Amino acid sequence: MNQYDFDKLIEKYLAGQSSPEEESLIREWADNKLAKSNLSLSQPEEQAIKKRIWTSIHRNALGQQPFIIRHGWLRISAVAASVLLALLTGVYLWKQPIEKRSELAIAGRRMELRGTINVKNTSEKPQKITLKDGSYVVLKAQSTISYPEHFGEKTRQVYLQGEAFFDVKKDPVRPFIVHTGNLVTQVLGTSFTVKSYDEAKTIEVLVTRGRVSVYEDSEKSSQERNGVILIPNQKITFDKASQKLIPSLVETPSLVQPPETRTSFVFDRAPLDQVLTTLRKAYGIEFVVESPSLSHCVFNGDLNDLPLYVQLDLVCKSINARYERRGTTLFIAGEGCPD
């Protein structure tokens, strides 16, 4: 059988016009491809794969008809290619570890998008990309992002491999959704960073401004999926192996609400509670004083132009205390200042 006859045979099969003998030839061809795939399959696995693949081919065939009509003589080869692609993809996905299948499925959905723009930053410098909705992305080196030329009416979806900073234009009607392996980050309008490298054991989402919803990309119902809401200076670490979400503070918190004047960060015999209230308002971070003995301590000093954790070091040393990061809260304890 030459290529032309083979293509015609596939076209008849997908159209439901093949004879039992011709259908047998198609299935024999598929079985041969499966046998040459270099994958060790048990008989139950092989039967299950065949069933899933052919069901998928039948379901997707109708969606290809507009393409077939428009492209004339290319129609049959395109159908043949789709059958082969479905077969090989199905086998490959089946043999992957469970935790890897969802990542591969997401990658497949990304490739299937029509009118998709794929950008890979092969340079050593960050690359700024402006999207049609006014949002922009700073794509880090050796990272890839995929997005449609025109966002849909209900959502704005992009797919990331690597690391990128997002500054999202607010749109209450269309949430902005970033797919990264096993994790989904969804916002209406804010700025945040996503780190999702294939070789890394974790995925990180760090919030700079606004509120961000982060949850698993799984087949579980929305009530059962792991998820958190992040605010500025918070981050989430998703462990790919354990499927756990771990909230914490970013390494270098930034000012969420800068003080109105520099004198706001200058303290003269200020009670510890007053100092922490000022820092809480400026950084949007919660502080908990665990030692009652610290309540009467006062602080003298200028905290302007210093990172938060340096500010806390100065305050704690002056009152004989220490601080500890637990999740998204800072705890302060110690013997306290001398009477």
C-alpha atoms as a PDB file:
ATOM      1  CA  MET A   1       0.000   0.000   0.000  1.00  0.00           C
ATOM      2  CA  ASN A   2       1.459   3.376  -1.002  1.00  0.00           C
ATOM      3  CA  GLN A   3       1.144   6.609   1.019  1.00  0.00           C
ATOM      4  CA  TYR A   4      -1.796   7.906  -1.020  1.00  0.00           C
ATOM      5  CA  ASP A   5      -3.798   4.705  -0.479  1.00  0.00           C
ATOM      6  CA  PHE A   6      -2.946   4.719   3.187  1.00  0.00           C
ATOM      7  CA  ASP A   7      -4.122   8.335   3.623  1.00  0.00           C
ATOM      8  CA  LYS A   8      -7.379   7.571   1.825  1.00  0.00           C
ATOM      9  CA  LEU A   9      -7.894   4.585   4.088  1.00  0.00           C
ATOM     10  CA  ILE A  10      -7.499   6.721   7.227  1.00  0.00           C
ATOM     11  CA  GLU A  11      -9.877   9.325   5.860  1.00  0.00           C
ATOM     12  CA  LYS A  12     -12.550   6.666   5.245  1.00  0.00           C
ATOM     13  CA  TYR A  13     -12.027   5.268   8.719  1.00  0.00           C
ATOM     14  CA  LEU A  14     -12.518   8.633  10.428  1.00  0.00           C
ATOM     15  CA  ALA A  15     -15.573   9.309   8.295  1.00  0.00           C
ATOM     16  CA  GLY A  16     -17.093   5.971   9.330  1.00  0.00           C
ATOM     17  CA  GLN A  17     -17.078   4.677   5.722  1.00  0.00           C
ATOM     18  CA  SER A  18     -14.451   1.941   5.965  1.00  0.00           C
ATOM     19  CA  SER A  19     -15.257  -1.732   5.541  1.00  0.00           C
ATOM     20  CA  PRO A  20     -14.486  -4.284   8.290  1.00  0.00           C
ATOM     21  CA  GLU A  21     -11.408  -5.371   6.305  1.00  0.00           C
ATOM     22  CA  GLU A  22     -10.166  -1.780   5.986  1.00  0.00           C
ATOM     23  CA  GLU A  23     -10.787  -1.115   9.674  1.00  0.00           C
ATOM     24  CA  SER A  24      -8.764  -4.208  10.481  1.00  0.00           C
ATOM     25  CA  LEU A  25      -5.853  -2.804   8.449  1.00  0.00           C
ATOM     26  CA  ILE A  26      -5.961   0.476  10.373  1.00  0.00           C
ATOM     27  CA  ARG A  27      -5.938  -1.266  13.727  1.00  0.00           C
ATOM     28  CA  GLU A  28      -3.123  -3.541  12.596  1.00  0.00           C
ATOM     29  CA  TRP A  29      -1.107  -0.452  11.651  1.00  0.00           C
ATOM     30  CA  ALA A  30      -1.769   1.037  15.101  1.00  0.00           C
ATOM     31  CA  ASP A  31      -0.758  -2.191  16.839  1.00  0.00           C
ATOM     32  CA  ASN A  32       2.524  -2.221  14.897  1.00  0.00           C
ATOM     33  CA  LYS A  33       3.252   1.379  15.927  1.00  0.00           C
ATOM     34  CA  LEU A  34       2.561   0.469  19.537  1.00  0.00           C
ATOM     35  CA  ALA A  35       4.838  -2.574  19.327  1.00  0.00           C
ATOM     36  CA  LYS A  36       7.708  -0.431  17.934  1.00  0.00           C
ATOM     37  CA  SER A  37       7.382   2.275  20.603  1.00  0.00           C
ATOM     38  CA  ASN A  38      10.182   0.763  22.760  1.00  0.00           C
ATOM     39  CA  LEU A  39       7.876   0.813  25.792  1.00  0.00           C
ATOM     40  CA  SER A  40       7.301  -2.257  27.949  1.00  0.00           C
ATOM     41  CA  LEU A  41       3.526  -2.631  28.234  1.00  0.00           C
ATOM     42  CA  SER A  42       1.496  -5.288  29.967  1.00  0.00           C
ATOM     43  CA  GLN A  43      -1.502  -6.618  28.082  1.00  0.00           C
ATOM     44  CA  PRO A  44      -4.053  -4.718  30.254  1.00  0.00           C
ATOM     45  CA  GLU A  45      -2.071  -1.510  29.761  1.00  0.00           C
ATOM     46  CA  GLU A  46      -1.913  -2.019  26.020  1.00  0.00           C
ATOM     47  CA  GLN A  47      -5.649  -2.642  25.761  1.00  0.00           C
ATOM     48  CA  ALA A  48      -6.460   0.385  27.910  1.00  0.00           C
ATOM     49  CA  ILE A  49      -4.194   2.616  25.818  1.00  0.00           C
ATOM     50  CA  LYS A  50      -5.766   1.451  22.578  1.00  0.00           C
ATOM     51  CA  LYS A  51      -9.237   2.175  23.869  1.00  0.00           C
ATOM     52  CA  ARG A  52      -8.329   5.663  25.072  1.00  0.00           C
ATOM     53  CA  ILE A  53      -6.474   6.583  21.894  1.00  0.00           C
ATOM     54  CA  TRP A  54      -9.140   5.503  19.431  1.00  0.00           C
ATOM     55  CA  THR A  55     -11.863   7.141  21.493  1.00  0.00           C
ATOM     56  CA  SER A  56      -9.833  10.342  21.428  1.00  0.00           C
ATOM     57  CA  ILE A  57      -9.290  10.125  17.668  1.00  0.00           C
ATOM     58  CA  HIS A  58     -13.003   9.697  16.990  1.00  0.00           C
ATOM     59  CA  ARG A  59     -13.859  12.594  19.299  1.00  0.00           C
ATOM     60  CA  ASN A  60     -11.292  14.963  17.755  1.00  0.00           C
ATOM     61  CA  ALA A  61     -11.856  14.068  14.125  1.00  0.00           C
ATOM     62  CA  LEU A  62     -14.968  16.251  13.746  1.00  0.00           C
ATOM     63  CA  GLY A  63     -13.058  19.246  15.057  1.00  0.00           C
ATOM     64  CA  GLN A  64     -10.579  18.879  12.199  1.00  0.00           C
ATOM     65  CA  GLN A  65     -13.108  19.096   9.392  1.00  0.00           C
ATOM     66  CA  PRO A  66     -12.815  22.871   8.809  1.00  0.00           C
ATOM     67  CA  PHE A  67      -9.072  22.411   8.419  1.00  0.00           C
ATOM     68  CA  ILE A  68      -9.598  19.559   5.958  1.00  0.00           C
ATOM     69  CA  ILE A  69     -11.978  21.556   3.791  1.00  0.00           C
ATOM     70  CA  ARG A  70      -9.824  24.665   3.642  1.00  0.00           C
ATOM     71  CA  HIS A  71      -6.556  22.974   2.798  1.00  0.00           C
ATOM     72  CA  GLY A  72      -7.583  20.775  -0.118  1.00  0.00           C
ATOM     73  CA  TRP A  73      -4.965  18.214  -0.996  1.00  0.00           C
ATOM     74  CA  LEU A  74      -3.299  18.497   2.410  1.00  0.00           C
ATOM     75  CA  ARG A  75      -6.389  17.160   4.135  1.00  0.00           C
ATOM     76  CA  ILE A  76      -5.578  13.454   4.129  1.00  0.00           C
ATOM     77  CA  SER A  77      -1.977  13.763   5.240  1.00  0.00           C
ATOM     78  CA  ALA A  78      -3.128  16.015   8.090  1.00  0.00           C
ATOM     79  CA  VAL A  79      -5.576  13.363   9.257  1.00  0.00           C
ATOM     80  CA  ALA A  80      -2.918  10.665   9.063  1.00  0.00           C
ATOM     81  CA  ALA A  81      -0.550  12.832  11.070  1.00  0.00           C
ATOM     82  CA  SER A  82      -3.208  13.460  13.710  1.00  0.00           C
ATOM     83  CA  VAL A  83      -3.773   9.725  14.134  1.00  0.00           C
ATOM     84  CA  LEU A  84      -0.059   9.085  14.552  1.00  0.00           C
ATOM     85  CA  LEU A  85       0.343  11.998  16.966  1.00  0.00           C
ATOM     86  CA  ALA A  86      -2.592  10.837  19.082  1.00  0.00           C
ATOM     87  CA  LEU A  87      -1.199   7.321  19.206  1.00  0.00           C
ATOM     88  CA  LEU A  88       2.324   8.278  20.247  1.00  0.00           C
ATOM     89  CA  THR A  89       1.163  10.933  22.702  1.00  0.00           C
ATOM     90  CA  GLY A  90      -1.244   8.533  24.342  1.00  0.00           C
ATOM     91  CA  VAL A  91       1.412   5.869  24.817  1.00  0.00           C
ATOM     92  CA  TYR A  92       3.943   8.348  26.165  1.00  0.00           C
ATOM     93  CA  LEU A  93       1.526   9.911  28.666  1.00  0.00           C
ATOM     94  CA  TRP A  94       0.376   6.519  29.904  1.00  0.00           C
ATOM     95  CA  LYS A  95       3.901   5.446  30.807  1.00  0.00           C
ATOM     96  CA  GLN A  96       4.809   8.603  32.730  1.00  0.00           C
ATOM     97  CA  PRO A  97       4.762   8.735  36.539  1.00  0.00           C
ATOM     98  CA  ILE A  98       1.449  10.039  37.897  1.00  0.00           C
ATOM     99  CA  GLU A  99       2.931  13.320  39.128  1.00  0.00           C
ATOM    100  CA  LYS A 100       4.335  14.016  35.638  1.00  0.00           C
ATOM    101  CA  ARG A 101       1.145  13.393  33.644  1.00  0.00           C
ATOM    102  CA  SER A 102      -0.563  16.639  34.601  1.00  0.00           C
ATOM    103  CA  GLU A 103       2.505  18.650  33.532  1.00  0.00           C
ATOM    104  CA  LEU A 104       2.544  16.901  30.161  1.00  0.00           C
ATOM    105  CA  ALA A 105      -1.181  17.380  29.731  1.00  0.00           C
ATOM    106  CA  ILE A 106      -0.833  21.111  30.396  1.00  0.00           C
ATOM    107  CA  ALA A 107       1.993  21.336  27.869  1.00  0.00           C
ATOM    108  CA  GLY A 108      -0.193  19.550  25.337  1.00  0.00           C
ATOM    109  CA  ARG A 109      -3.069  21.953  25.879  1.00  0.00           C
ATOM    110  CA  ARG A 110      -0.705  24.865  25.423  1.00  0.00           C
ATOM    111  CA  MET A 111       0.542  23.519  22.084  1.00  0.00           C
ATOM    112  CA  GLU A 112      -2.988  22.949  20.840  1.00  0.00           C
ATOM    113  CA  LEU A 113      -4.008  26.598  21.230  1.00  0.00           C
ATOM    114  CA  ARG A 114      -4.576  28.224  17.871  1.00  0.00           C
ATOM    115  CA  GLY A 115      -2.857  31.547  17.293  1.00  0.00           C
ATOM    116  CA  THR A 116      -0.453  30.890  20.160  1.00  0.00           C
ATOM    117  CA  ILE A 117       2.627  33.069  20.593  1.00  0.00           C
ATOM    118  CA  ASN A 118       5.633  31.262  22.076  1.00  0.00           C
ATOM    119  CA  VAL A 119       8.508  33.342  23.434  1.00  0.00           C
ATOM    120  CA  LYS A 120      11.741  31.837  24.760  1.00  0.00           C
ATOM    121  CA  ASN A 121      14.327  34.132  26.290  1.00  0.00           C
ATOM    122  CA  THR A 122      17.631  32.658  25.149  1.00  0.00           C
ATOM    123  CA  SER A 123      19.637  35.674  26.304  1.00  0.00           C
ATOM    124  CA  GLU A 124      21.210  36.223  29.696  1.00  0.00           C
ATOM    125  CA  LYS A 125      19.096  39.323  30.398  1.00  0.00           C
ATOM    126  CA  PRO A 126      15.404  39.612  31.351  1.00  0.00           C
ATOM    127  CA  GLN A 127      13.084  40.273  28.408  1.00  0.00           C
ATOM    128  CA  LYS A 128      10.010  42.515  28.727  1.00  0.00           C
ATOM    129  CA  ILE A 129       6.878  41.425  26.845  1.00  0.00           C
ATOM    130  CA  THR A 130       3.786  43.620  26.578  1.00  0.00           C
ATOM    131  CA  LEU A 131       0.482  41.773  26.147  1.00  0.00           C
ATOM    132  CA  LYS A 132      -2.560  42.964  24.214  1.00  0.00           C
ATOM    133  CA  ASP A 133      -4.547  43.671  27.399  1.00  0.00           C
ATOM    134  CA  GLY A 134      -1.918  46.134  28.682  1.00  0.00           C
ATOM    135  CA  SER A 135      -0.291  43.682  31.081  1.00  0.00           C
ATOM    136  CA  TYR A 136       3.429  43.071  30.800  1.00  0.00           C
ATOM    137  CA  VAL A 137       5.749  40.194  31.610  1.00  0.00           C
ATOM    138  CA  VAL A 138       9.450  40.288  32.452  1.00  0.00           C
ATOM    139  CA  LEU A 139      10.686  36.901  31.250  1.00  0.00           C
ATOM    140  CA  LYS A 140      13.887  35.715  32.919  1.00  0.00           C
ATOM    141  CA  ALA A 141      16.769  34.044  31.073  1.00  0.00           C
ATOM    142  CA  GLN A 142      16.173  30.553  29.649  1.00  0.00           C
ATOM    143  CA  SER A 143      12.439  30.803  30.354  1.00  0.00           C
ATOM    144  CA  THR A 144       9.503  30.289  27.986  1.00  0.00           C
ATOM    145  CA  ILE A 145       6.008  31.757  27.929  1.00  0.00           C
ATOM    146  CA  SER A 146       3.067  30.895  25.664  1.00  0.00           C
ATOM    147  CA  TYR A 147      -0.102  32.942  25.235  1.00  0.00           C
ATOM    148  CA  PRO A 148      -2.807  33.498  22.604  1.00  0.00           C
ATOM    149  CA  GLU A 149      -2.650  36.436  20.213  1.00  0.00           C
ATOM    150  CA  HIS A 150      -6.034  37.509  21.564  1.00  0.00           C
ATOM    151  CA  PHE A 151      -7.304  36.629  25.021  1.00  0.00           C
ATOM    152  CA  GLY A 152     -10.771  35.108  25.351  1.00  0.00           C
ATOM    153  CA  GLU A 153     -13.878  36.823  26.656  1.00  0.00           C
ATOM    154  CA  LYS A 154     -13.841  35.027  30.027  1.00  0.00           C
ATOM    155  CA  THR A 155     -10.177  34.497  30.939  1.00  0.00           C
ATOM    156  CA  ARG A 156      -6.629  35.552  30.089  1.00  0.00           C
ATOM    157  CA  GLN A 157      -4.511  32.407  30.174  1.00  0.00           C
ATOM    158  CA  VAL A 158      -0.744  32.025  29.761  1.00  0.00           C
ATOM    159  CA  TYR A 159       1.661  29.106  30.219  1.00  0.00           C
ATOM    160  CA  LEU A 160       5.093  29.503  31.808  1.00  0.00           C
ATOM    161  CA  GLN A 161       8.195  27.346  32.013  1.00  0.00           C
ATOM    162  CA  GLY A 162      10.948  29.007  34.025  1.00  0.00           C
ATOM    163  CA  GLU A 163      10.656  32.338  35.807  1.00  0.00           C
ATOM    164  CA  ALA A 164       8.813  35.569  35.098  1.00  0.00           C
ATOM    165  CA  PHE A 165       7.499  38.702  36.787  1.00  0.00           C
ATOM    166  CA  PHE A 166       3.909  39.631  35.893  1.00  0.00           C
ATOM    167  CA  ASP A 167       2.334  43.070  36.149  1.00  0.00           C
ATOM    168  CA  VAL A 168      -1.310  42.422  35.315  1.00  0.00           C
ATOM    169  CA  LYS A 169      -3.775  45.025  34.069  1.00  0.00           C
ATOM    170  CA  LYS A 170      -6.908  44.908  36.206  1.00  0.00           C
ATOM    171  CA  ASP A 171      -9.938  43.366  34.514  1.00  0.00           C
ATOM    172  CA  PRO A 172     -12.738  42.239  36.895  1.00  0.00           C
ATOM    173  CA  VAL A 173     -14.479  40.336  34.093  1.00  0.00           C
ATOM    174  CA  ARG A 174     -11.481  38.317  32.868  1.00  0.00           C
ATOM    175  CA  PRO A 175      -9.140  36.823  35.495  1.00  0.00           C
ATOM    176  CA  PHE A 176      -5.495  36.445  34.503  1.00  0.00           C
ATOM    177  CA  ILE A 177      -4.377  32.817  34.889  1.00  0.00           C
ATOM    178  CA  VAL A 178      -0.800  31.497  34.808  1.00  0.00           C
ATOM    179  CA  HIS A 179      -0.324  27.740  34.326  1.00  0.00           C
ATOM    180  CA  THR A 180       2.957  26.323  35.659  1.00  0.00           C
ATOM    181  CA  GLY A 181       3.150  22.550  35.781  1.00  0.00           C
ATOM    182  CA  ASN A 182       0.977  21.380  38.682  1.00  0.00           C
ATOM    183  CA  LEU A 183       0.092  24.870  39.872  1.00  0.00           C
ATOM    184  CA  VAL A 184      -2.320  27.621  38.777  1.00  0.00           C
ATOM    185  CA  THR A 185      -1.962  31.275  39.749  1.00  0.00           C
ATOM    186  CA  GLN A 186      -5.061  33.432  39.249  1.00  0.00           C
ATOM    187  CA  VAL A 187      -5.482  37.196  39.680  1.00  0.00           C
ATOM    188  CA  LEU A 188      -7.636  40.086  38.474  1.00  0.00           C
ATOM    189  CA  GLY A 189      -4.941  42.741  38.517  1.00  0.00           C
ATOM    190  CA  THR A 190      -1.694  42.716  40.496  1.00  0.00           C
ATOM    191  CA  SER A 191       2.034  42.054  40.256  1.00  0.00           C
ATOM    192  CA  PHE A 192       3.805  38.855  41.221  1.00  0.00           C
ATOM    193  CA  THR A 193       6.667  36.518  40.328  1.00  0.00           C
ATOM    194  CA  VAL A 194       6.437  32.847  39.364  1.00  0.00           C
ATOM    195  CA  LYS A 195       9.398  30.443  39.428  1.00  0.00           C
ATOM    196  CA  SER A 196       8.706  27.104  37.762  1.00  0.00           C
ATOM    197  CA  TYR A 197      11.736  25.331  36.293  1.00  0.00           C
ATOM    198  CA  ASP A 198      11.346  21.773  35.011  1.00  0.00           C
ATOM    199  CA  GLU A 199      14.418  20.509  36.865  1.00  0.00           C
ATOM    200  CA  ALA A 200      13.459  22.169  40.180  1.00  0.00           C
ATOM    201  CA  LYS A 201      11.665  20.227  42.906  1.00  0.00           C
ATOM    202  CA  THR A 202       9.403  23.151  43.769  1.00  0.00           C
ATOM    203  CA  ILE A 203       7.335  25.936  42.209  1.00  0.00           C
ATOM    204  CA  GLU A 204       7.275  29.387  43.841  1.00  0.00           C
ATOM    205  CA  VAL A 205       4.841  32.287  43.592  1.00  0.00           C
ATOM    206  CA  LEU A 206       5.831  35.608  45.215  1.00  0.00           C
ATOM    207  CA  VAL A 207       3.420  38.554  45.518  1.00  0.00           C
ATOM    208  CA  THR A 208       4.475  42.179  45.135  1.00  0.00           C
ATOM    209  CA  ARG A 209       1.111  43.942  44.935  1.00  0.00           C
ATOM    210  CA  GLY A 210      -2.545  42.949  45.267  1.00  0.00           C
ATOM    211  CA  ARG A 211      -3.969  39.527  46.107  1.00  0.00           C
ATOM    212  CA  VAL A 212      -3.174  36.264  44.324  1.00  0.00           C
ATOM    213  CA  SER A 213      -5.015  32.942  44.387  1.00  0.00           C
ATOM    214  CA  VAL A 214      -2.764  29.897  43.988  1.00  0.00           C
ATOM    215  CA  TYR A 215      -4.130  26.368  43.710  1.00  0.00           C
ATOM    216  CA  GLU A 216      -3.408  22.908  42.325  1.00  0.00           C
ATOM    217  CA  ASP A 217      -4.104  22.180  38.680  1.00  0.00           C
ATOM    218  CA  SER A 218      -5.742  18.813  39.270  1.00  0.00           C
ATOM    219  CA  GLU A 219      -8.908  16.889  38.499  1.00  0.00           C
ATOM    220  CA  LYS A 220     -10.147  17.340  42.057  1.00  0.00           C
ATOM    221  CA  SER A 221     -13.232  19.447  42.683  1.00  0.00           C
ATOM    222  CA  SER A 222     -12.681  23.093  43.603  1.00  0.00           C
ATOM    223  CA  GLN A 223     -13.635  22.247  47.206  1.00  0.00           C
ATOM    224  CA  GLU A 224     -10.929  19.563  47.493  1.00  0.00           C
ATOM    225  CA  ARG A 225      -7.996  21.245  45.754  1.00  0.00           C
ATOM    226  CA  ASN A 226      -5.159  22.701  47.829  1.00  0.00           C
ATOM    227  CA  GLY A 227      -5.061  26.471  47.525  1.00  0.00           C
ATOM    228  CA  VAL A 228      -4.150  29.710  49.302  1.00  0.00           C
ATOM    229  CA  ILE A 229      -4.655  33.456  48.973  1.00  0.00           C
ATOM    230  CA  LEU A 230      -1.419  35.457  49.029  1.00  0.00           C
ATOM    231  CA  ILE A 231      -0.961  39.151  49.827  1.00  0.00           C
ATOM    232  CA  PRO A 232       2.128  41.372  49.289  1.00  0.00           C
ATOM    233  CA  ASN A 233       5.412  40.116  50.776  1.00  0.00           C
ATOM    234  CA  GLN A 234       4.055  36.572  50.993  1.00  0.00           C
ATOM    235  CA  LYS A 235       5.037  33.609  48.844  1.00  0.00           C
ATOM    236  CA  ILE A 236       3.973  30.030  48.343  1.00  0.00           C
ATOM    237  CA  THR A 237       6.274  27.075  47.714  1.00  0.00           C
ATOM    238  CA  PHE A 238       4.692  24.042  46.047  1.00  0.00           C
ATOM    239  CA  ASP A 239       6.554  20.773  46.562  1.00  0.00           C
ATOM    240  CA  LYS A 240       6.094  18.702  43.401  1.00  0.00           C
ATOM    241  CA  ALA A 241       6.713  15.369  45.145  1.00  0.00           C
ATOM    242  CA  SER A 242       4.487  15.795  48.212  1.00  0.00           C
ATOM    243  CA  GLN A 243       1.976  18.089  46.452  1.00  0.00           C
ATOM    244  CA  LYS A 244       2.074  20.412  49.493  1.00  0.00           C
ATOM    245  CA  LEU A 245       1.683  24.200  49.502  1.00  0.00           C
ATOM    246  CA  ILE A 246       3.959  25.946  52.034  1.00  0.00           C
ATOM    247  CA  PRO A 247       3.249  29.650  52.722  1.00  0.00           C
ATOM    248  CA  SER A 248       6.027  31.941  53.956  1.00  0.00           C
ATOM    249  CA  LEU A 249       7.451  35.453  53.676  1.00  0.00           C
ATOM    250  CA  VAL A 250       9.631  36.625  50.795  1.00  0.00           C
ATOM    251  CA  GLU A 251      13.353  36.967  51.445  1.00  0.00           C
ATOM    252  CA  THR A 252      13.353  40.743  51.056  1.00  0.00           C
ATOM    253  CA  PRO A 253       9.987  42.307  51.980  1.00  0.00           C
ATOM    254  CA  SER A 254       9.260  45.608  50.259  1.00  0.00           C
ATOM    255  CA  LEU A 255       7.285  48.594  51.519  1.00  0.00           C
ATOM    256  CA  VAL A 256       3.588  48.165  50.815  1.00  0.00           C
ATOM    257  CA  GLN A 257       2.624  51.509  52.314  1.00  0.00           C
ATOM    258  CA  PRO A 258       5.701  53.760  52.619  1.00  0.00           C
ATOM    259  CA  PRO A 259       5.714  56.143  55.608  1.00  0.00           C
ATOM    260  CA  GLU A 260       4.420  59.634  54.860  1.00  0.00           C
ATOM    261  CA  THR A 261       7.624  61.255  56.134  1.00  0.00           C
ATOM    262  CA  ARG A 262      11.072  60.046  57.076  1.00  0.00           C
ATOM    263  CA  THR A 263      10.390  60.980  60.674  1.00  0.00           C
ATOM    264  CA  SER A 264       7.877  58.111  60.819  1.00  0.00           C
ATOM    265  CA  PHE A 265      10.813  55.699  60.907  1.00  0.00           C
ATOM    266  CA  VAL A 266      12.735  57.683  63.535  1.00  0.00           C
ATOM    267  CA  PHE A 267      11.940  56.564  67.088  1.00  0.00           C
ATOM    268  CA  ASP A 268      12.747  58.300  70.369  1.00  0.00           C
ATOM    269  CA  ARG A 269      12.021  56.109  73.402  1.00  0.00           C
ATOM    270  CA  ALA A 270       9.114  54.571  71.491  1.00  0.00           C
ATOM    271  CA  PRO A 271       7.392  51.529  73.077  1.00  0.00           C
ATOM    272  CA  LEU A 272       7.951  48.265  71.197  1.00  0.00           C
ATOM    273  CA  ASP A 273       4.250  48.081  70.344  1.00  0.00           C
ATOM    274  CA  GLN A 274       4.461  51.472  68.583  1.00  0.00           C
ATOM    275  CA  VAL A 275       7.510  50.385  66.563  1.00  0.00           C
ATOM    276  CA  LEU A 276       5.860  47.141  65.458  1.00  0.00           C
ATOM    277  CA  THR A 277       2.622  48.913  64.549  1.00  0.00           C
ATOM    278  CA  THR A 278       4.607  51.222  62.252  1.00  0.00           C
ATOM    279  CA  LEU A 279       6.372  48.268  60.598  1.00  0.00           C
ATOM    280  CA  ARG A 280       3.134  46.291  60.297  1.00  0.00           C
ATOM    281  CA  LYS A 281       1.467  49.161  58.449  1.00  0.00           C
ATOM    282  CA  ALA A 282       4.482  49.734  56.196  1.00  0.00           C
ATOM    283  CA  TYR A 283       5.051  46.103  55.162  1.00  0.00           C
ATOM    284  CA  GLY A 284       1.630  44.493  55.621  1.00  0.00           C
ATOM    285  CA  ILE A 285       3.193  41.767  57.800  1.00  0.00           C
ATOM    286  CA  GLU A 286       1.803  40.477  61.075  1.00  0.00           C
ATOM    287  CA  PHE A 287       3.959  40.595  64.240  1.00  0.00           C
ATOM    288  CA  VAL A 288       3.335  38.594  67.419  1.00  0.00           C
ATOM    289  CA  VAL A 289       5.157  39.401  70.699  1.00  0.00           C
ATOM    290  CA  GLU A 290       5.413  36.149  72.651  1.00  0.00           C
ATOM    291  CA  SER A 291       7.201  37.441  75.769  1.00  0.00           C
ATOM    292  CA  PRO A 292       5.216  39.690  78.143  1.00  0.00           C
ATOM    293  CA  SER A 293       8.525  41.011  79.500  1.00  0.00           C
ATOM    294  CA  LEU A 294       9.036  42.940  76.250  1.00  0.00           C
ATOM    295  CA  SER A 295       5.914  45.053  76.625  1.00  0.00           C
ATOM    296  CA  HIS A 296       7.621  47.819  78.643  1.00  0.00           C
ATOM    297  CA  CYS A 297      10.755  48.015  76.413  1.00  0.00           C
ATOM    298  CA  VAL A 298      11.443  51.137  74.346  1.00  0.00           C
ATOM    299  CA  PHE A 299      13.516  51.692  71.212  1.00  0.00           C
ATOM    300  CA  ASN A 300      15.691  54.603  70.083  1.00  0.00           C
ATOM    301  CA  GLY A 301      16.897  54.684  66.491  1.00  0.00           C
ATOM    302  CA  ASP A 302      16.513  55.625  62.827  1.00  0.00           C
ATOM    303  CA  LEU A 303      15.197  52.782  60.650  1.00  0.00           C
ATOM    304  CA  ASN A 304      15.074  54.703  57.363  1.00  0.00           C
ATOM    305  CA  ASP A 305      16.609  53.137  54.206  1.00  0.00           C
ATOM    306  CA  LEU A 306      17.115  49.721  55.815  1.00  0.00           C
ATOM    307  CA  PRO A 307      15.634  46.338  54.785  1.00  0.00           C
ATOM    308  CA  LEU A 308      12.973  44.977  57.137  1.00  0.00           C
ATOM    309  CA  TYR A 309      15.078  42.192  58.616  1.00  0.00           C
ATOM    310  CA  VAL A 310      17.951  44.609  59.330  1.00  0.00           C
ATOM    311  CA  GLN A 311      15.436  46.911  61.030  1.00  0.00           C
ATOM    312  CA  LEU A 312      14.267  44.009  63.185  1.00  0.00           C
ATOM    313  CA  ASP A 313      17.852  43.063  64.050  1.00  0.00           C
ATOM    314  CA  LEU A 314      18.468  46.575  65.384  1.00  0.00           C
ATOM    315  CA  VAL A 315      15.227  46.665  67.357  1.00  0.00           C
ATOM    316  CA  CYS A 316      15.699  43.207  68.872  1.00  0.00           C
ATOM    317  CA  LYS A 317      19.340  43.778  69.880  1.00  0.00           C
ATOM    318  CA  SER A 318      18.409  46.976  71.674  1.00  0.00           C
ATOM    319  CA  ILE A 319      15.737  45.260  73.803  1.00  0.00           C
ATOM    320  CA  ASN A 320      17.440  41.878  74.307  1.00  0.00           C
ATOM    321  CA  ALA A 321      15.075  39.964  72.068  1.00  0.00           C
ATOM    322  CA  ARG A 322      15.064  37.865  68.899  1.00  0.00           C
ATOM    323  CA  TYR A 323      12.658  37.318  66.035  1.00  0.00           C
ATOM    324  CA  GLU A 324      11.641  34.199  64.124  1.00  0.00           C
ATOM    325  CA  ARG A 325       9.829  33.677  60.829  1.00  0.00           C
ATOM    326  CA  ARG A 326       7.006  31.149  60.975  1.00  0.00           C
ATOM    327  CA  GLY A 327       4.910  30.931  57.859  1.00  0.00           C
ATOM    328  CA  THR A 328       3.724  34.443  57.009  1.00  0.00           C
ATOM    329  CA  THR A 329       4.084  35.843  60.573  1.00  0.00           C
ATOM    330  CA  LEU A 330       7.054  37.241  62.524  1.00  0.00           C
ATOM    331  CA  PHE A 331       7.297  36.212  66.179  1.00  0.00           C
ATOM    332  CA  ILE A 332       9.341  38.171  68.733  1.00  0.00           C
ATOM    333  CA  ALA A 333      10.532  36.731  72.051  1.00  0.00           C
ATOM    334  CA  GLY A 334      13.282  37.280  74.605  1.00  0.00           C
ATOM    335  CA  GLU A 335      14.219  38.096  78.156  1.00  0.00           C
ATOM    336  CA  GLY A 336      13.535  41.769  77.601  1.00  0.00           C
ATOM    337  CA  CYS A 337      15.309  44.985  78.485  1.00  0.00           C
ATOM    338  CA  PRO A 338      16.668  45.574  82.025  1.00  0.00           C
ATOM    339  CA  ASP A 339      14.466  47.568  84.363  1.00  0.00           C
END
